[in-house]
Amino acid sequence: MKNKIEKYFHSRFPSLRKKELTKIDLTEFVDSLSIFDFVYYLEKNFKIKIKQDEVLFKNFSSISSIEKLIKKKIKGE
């Protein structure tokens, strides 16, 4: 799961090194337009549906918060 998320960010932001992803605030890179592309990527790759009201700072502020959201969606919550 983490690898797929990192792959997305590395493909769009090649200047990021792997170790930097664990330390940075992803909201510096994901703006209001690119979030839709990222949500589509997550839905497609993890076979989930993310509701509009789930697109919140707390769910997309770090790799671990994104993983938590994905796990929750996979469980059907």
N, C-alpha and C. Protein backbone atom coordinates (compact mmCIF):
# COMPACT_ATOMS: atom_id res chain seq x y z
N MET A 1 0.83 -1.19 0.00
CA MET A 1 0.00 0.00 0.00
C MET A 1 0.88 1.26 0.00
N LYS A 2 1.80 1.31 0.94
CA LYS A 2 2.69 2.45 1.04
C LYS A 2 3.49 2.64 -0.25
N ASN A 3 3.92 1.53 -0.85
CA ASN A 3 4.70 1.62 -2.09
C ASN A 3 3.91 2.24 -3.23
N LYS A 4 2.64 1.92 -3.34
CA LYS A 4 1.82 2.49 -4.40
C LYS A 4 1.63 3.99 -4.20
N ILE A 5 1.46 4.40 -2.95
CA ILE A 5 1.29 5.82 -2.64
C ILE A 5 2.59 6.57 -2.96
N GLU A 6 3.71 6.01 -2.53
CA GLU A 6 5.00 6.62 -2.81
C GLU A 6 5.27 6.68 -4.31
N LYS A 7 4.89 5.64 -5.03
CA LYS A 7 5.08 5.60 -6.48
C LYS A 7 4.34 6.76 -7.14
N TYR A 8 3.13 7.04 -6.68
CA TYR A 8 2.36 8.16 -7.22
C TYR A 8 3.14 9.47 -7.04
N PHE A 9 3.60 9.72 -5.83
CA PHE A 9 4.29 10.98 -5.56
C PHE A 9 5.62 11.07 -6.28
N HIS A 10 6.35 9.96 -6.38
CA HIS A 10 7.62 9.99 -7.10
C HIS A 10 7.42 10.22 -8.59
N SER A 11 6.33 9.71 -9.13
CA SER A 11 6.09 9.90 -10.56
C SER A 11 5.70 11.35 -10.88
N ARG A 12 5.07 12.02 -9.94
CA ARG A 12 4.65 13.41 -10.17
C ARG A 12 5.61 14.44 -9.61
N PHE A 13 6.41 14.03 -8.65
CA PHE A 13 7.38 14.92 -8.01
C PHE A 13 8.72 14.20 -7.91
N PRO A 14 9.41 14.04 -9.04
CA PRO A 14 10.65 13.25 -9.07
C PRO A 14 11.75 13.77 -8.15
N SER A 15 11.67 15.01 -7.77
CA SER A 15 12.71 15.56 -6.88
C SER A 15 12.61 15.01 -5.46
N LEU A 16 11.49 14.41 -5.12
CA LEU A 16 11.34 13.83 -3.79
C LEU A 16 12.13 12.53 -3.69
N ARG A 17 12.86 12.41 -2.63
CA ARG A 17 13.54 11.15 -2.35
C ARG A 17 12.63 10.33 -1.45
N LYS A 18 12.83 9.03 -1.48
CA LYS A 18 11.97 8.13 -0.71
C LYS A 18 11.92 8.50 0.77
N LYS A 19 13.05 8.78 1.36
CA LYS A 19 13.05 9.08 2.78
C LYS A 19 12.34 10.38 3.10
N GLU A 20 12.29 11.29 2.15
CA GLU A 20 11.61 12.55 2.38
C GLU A 20 10.10 12.38 2.54
N LEU A 21 9.53 11.38 1.91
CA LEU A 21 8.08 11.19 1.97
C LEU A 21 7.58 10.91 3.38
N THR A 22 8.40 10.33 4.20
CA THR A 22 7.96 10.04 5.56
C THR A 22 8.04 11.27 6.45
N LYS A 23 8.78 12.26 6.04
CA LYS A 23 9.01 13.44 6.88
C LYS A 23 8.18 14.66 6.48
N ILE A 24 7.71 14.69 5.25
CA ILE A 24 7.07 15.91 4.76
C ILE A 24 5.57 15.94 4.98
N ASP A 25 5.04 17.12 4.92
CA ASP A 25 3.59 17.33 4.94
C ASP A 25 3.16 17.26 3.48
N LEU A 26 2.41 16.24 3.12
CA LEU A 26 2.03 16.04 1.71
C LEU A 26 1.17 17.16 1.17
N THR A 27 0.54 17.93 2.03
CA THR A 27 -0.30 19.03 1.55
C THR A 27 0.53 20.11 0.87
N GLU A 28 1.84 20.08 1.05
CA GLU A 28 2.71 21.01 0.33
C GLU A 28 2.74 20.67 -1.16
N PHE A 29 2.46 19.43 -1.49
CA PHE A 29 2.54 18.96 -2.87
C PHE A 29 1.18 18.73 -3.51
N VAL A 30 0.21 18.39 -2.71
CA VAL A 30 -1.12 18.10 -3.25
C VAL A 30 -1.98 19.35 -3.10
N ASP A 31 -2.28 19.98 -4.22
CA ASP A 31 -3.13 21.16 -4.17
C ASP A 31 -4.57 20.80 -4.51
N SER A 32 -5.42 21.79 -4.56
CA SER A 32 -6.84 21.52 -4.74
C SER A 32 -7.17 20.85 -6.07
N LEU A 33 -6.38 21.07 -7.10
CA LEU A 33 -6.64 20.42 -8.38
C LEU A 33 -6.03 19.02 -8.44
N SER A 34 -4.83 18.88 -7.95
CA SER A 34 -4.18 17.58 -8.04
C SER A 34 -4.78 16.55 -7.09
N ILE A 35 -5.51 17.00 -6.09
CA ILE A 35 -6.13 16.05 -5.17
C ILE A 35 -7.12 15.15 -5.90
N PHE A 36 -7.80 15.68 -6.91
CA PHE A 36 -8.75 14.87 -7.66
C PHE A 36 -8.04 13.77 -8.45
N ASP A 37 -6.89 14.10 -9.00
CA ASP A 37 -6.09 13.11 -9.71
C ASP A 37 -5.62 12.03 -8.73
N PHE A 38 -5.20 12.46 -7.56
CA PHE A 38 -4.72 11.53 -6.55
C PHE A 38 -5.85 10.63 -6.04
N VAL A 39 -7.00 11.19 -5.79
CA VAL A 39 -8.16 10.40 -5.35
C VAL A 39 -8.52 9.37 -6.41
N TYR A 40 -8.52 9.77 -7.67
CA TYR A 40 -8.79 8.83 -8.76
C TYR A 40 -7.76 7.69 -8.76
N TYR A 41 -6.50 8.05 -8.58
CA TYR A 41 -5.42 7.05 -8.52
C TYR A 41 -5.69 6.06 -7.39
N LEU A 42 -6.02 6.55 -6.21
CA LEU A 42 -6.29 5.67 -5.07
C LEU A 42 -7.50 4.78 -5.33
N GLU A 43 -8.57 5.35 -5.86
CA GLU A 43 -9.78 4.57 -6.15
C GLU A 43 -9.48 3.46 -7.15
N LYS A 44 -8.74 3.79 -8.18
CA LYS A 44 -8.42 2.82 -9.22
C LYS A 44 -7.49 1.72 -8.71
N ASN A 45 -6.46 2.09 -7.99
CA ASN A 45 -5.45 1.13 -7.56
C ASN A 45 -5.85 0.30 -6.36
N PHE A 46 -6.74 0.81 -5.54
CA PHE A 46 -7.14 0.07 -4.34
C PHE A 46 -8.60 -0.39 -4.40
N LYS A 47 -9.25 -0.13 -5.53
CA LYS A 47 -10.64 -0.58 -5.73
C LYS A 47 -11.55 -0.09 -4.60
N ILE A 48 -11.46 1.21 -4.33
CA ILE A 48 -12.27 1.83 -3.27
C ILE A 48 -12.98 3.04 -3.85
N LYS A 49 -13.90 3.59 -3.11
CA LYS A 49 -14.59 4.82 -3.47
C LYS A 49 -14.42 5.80 -2.32
N ILE A 50 -13.87 6.96 -2.62
CA ILE A 50 -13.66 7.99 -1.61
C ILE A 50 -14.71 9.07 -1.83
N LYS A 51 -15.51 9.30 -0.80
CA LYS A 51 -16.57 10.30 -0.90
C LYS A 51 -15.97 11.71 -0.81
N GLN A 52 -16.70 12.65 -1.38
CA GLN A 52 -16.24 14.03 -1.38
C GLN A 52 -15.99 14.54 0.04
N ASP A 53 -16.85 14.16 0.98
CA ASP A 53 -16.68 14.65 2.36
C ASP A 53 -15.54 13.96 3.11
N GLU A 54 -14.88 13.00 2.46
CA GLU A 54 -13.71 12.35 3.05
C GLU A 54 -12.41 12.97 2.56
N VAL A 55 -12.51 13.87 1.60
CA VAL A 55 -11.33 14.56 1.08
C VAL A 55 -11.03 15.73 2.02
N LEU A 56 -10.39 15.37 3.12
CA LEU A 56 -10.08 16.31 4.20
C LEU A 56 -8.59 16.31 4.47
N PHE A 57 -8.11 17.42 5.01
CA PHE A 57 -6.70 17.54 5.37
C PHE A 57 -6.24 16.36 6.23
N LYS A 58 -7.02 15.99 7.21
CA LYS A 58 -6.60 14.92 8.13
C LYS A 58 -6.41 13.58 7.42
N ASN A 59 -7.12 13.36 6.31
CA ASN A 59 -7.00 12.10 5.57
C ASN A 59 -5.87 12.09 4.55
N PHE A 60 -5.34 13.27 4.20
CA PHE A 60 -4.33 13.36 3.15
C PHE A 60 -3.08 14.12 3.56
N SER A 61 -2.85 14.25 4.84
CA SER A 61 -1.72 15.04 5.30
C SER A 61 -0.40 14.28 5.35
N SER A 62 -0.46 12.95 5.30
CA SER A 62 0.76 12.14 5.34
C SER A 62 0.49 10.77 4.71
N ILE A 63 1.56 10.05 4.46
CA ILE A 63 1.42 8.68 3.92
C ILE A 63 0.60 7.83 4.89
N SER A 64 0.89 7.94 6.18
CA SER A 64 0.18 7.10 7.15
C SER A 64 -1.31 7.45 7.24
N SER A 65 -1.66 8.74 7.11
CA SER A 65 -3.08 9.09 7.15
C SER A 65 -3.81 8.59 5.90
N ILE A 66 -3.12 8.57 4.78
CA ILE A 66 -3.70 8.05 3.54
C ILE A 66 -3.89 6.54 3.66
N GLU A 67 -2.91 5.86 4.23
CA GLU A 67 -3.02 4.42 4.45
C GLU A 67 -4.20 4.10 5.37
N LYS A 68 -4.38 4.88 6.41
CA LYS A 68 -5.51 4.66 7.32
C LYS A 68 -6.84 4.79 6.60
N LEU A 69 -6.95 5.80 5.75
CA LEU A 69 -8.18 6.00 4.98
C LEU A 69 -8.42 4.81 4.05
N ILE A 70 -7.39 4.36 3.35
CA ILE A 70 -7.53 3.24 2.43
C ILE A 70 -7.96 1.98 3.18
N LYS A 71 -7.31 1.69 4.30
CA LYS A 71 -7.67 0.50 5.09
C LYS A 71 -9.11 0.57 5.55
N LYS A 72 -9.54 1.75 5.97
CA LYS A 72 -10.92 1.95 6.40
C LYS A 72 -11.88 1.67 5.24
N LYS A 73 -11.56 2.19 4.06
CA LYS A 73 -12.42 1.99 2.89
C LYS A 73 -12.45 0.54 2.45
N ILE A 74 -11.33 -0.15 2.53
CA ILE A 74 -11.26 -1.56 2.15
C ILE A 74 -12.14 -2.39 3.08
N LYS A 75 -12.16 -2.03 4.35
CA LYS A 75 -13.00 -2.73 5.33
C LYS A 75 -14.48 -2.42 5.14
N GLY A 76 -14.78 -1.41 4.32
CA GLY A 76 -16.18 -1.06 4.07
C GLY A 76 -16.74 -0.05 5.03
N GLU A 77 -15.90 0.66 5.71
CA GLU A 77 -16.36 1.67 6.68
C GLU A 77 -16.60 3.00 5.99
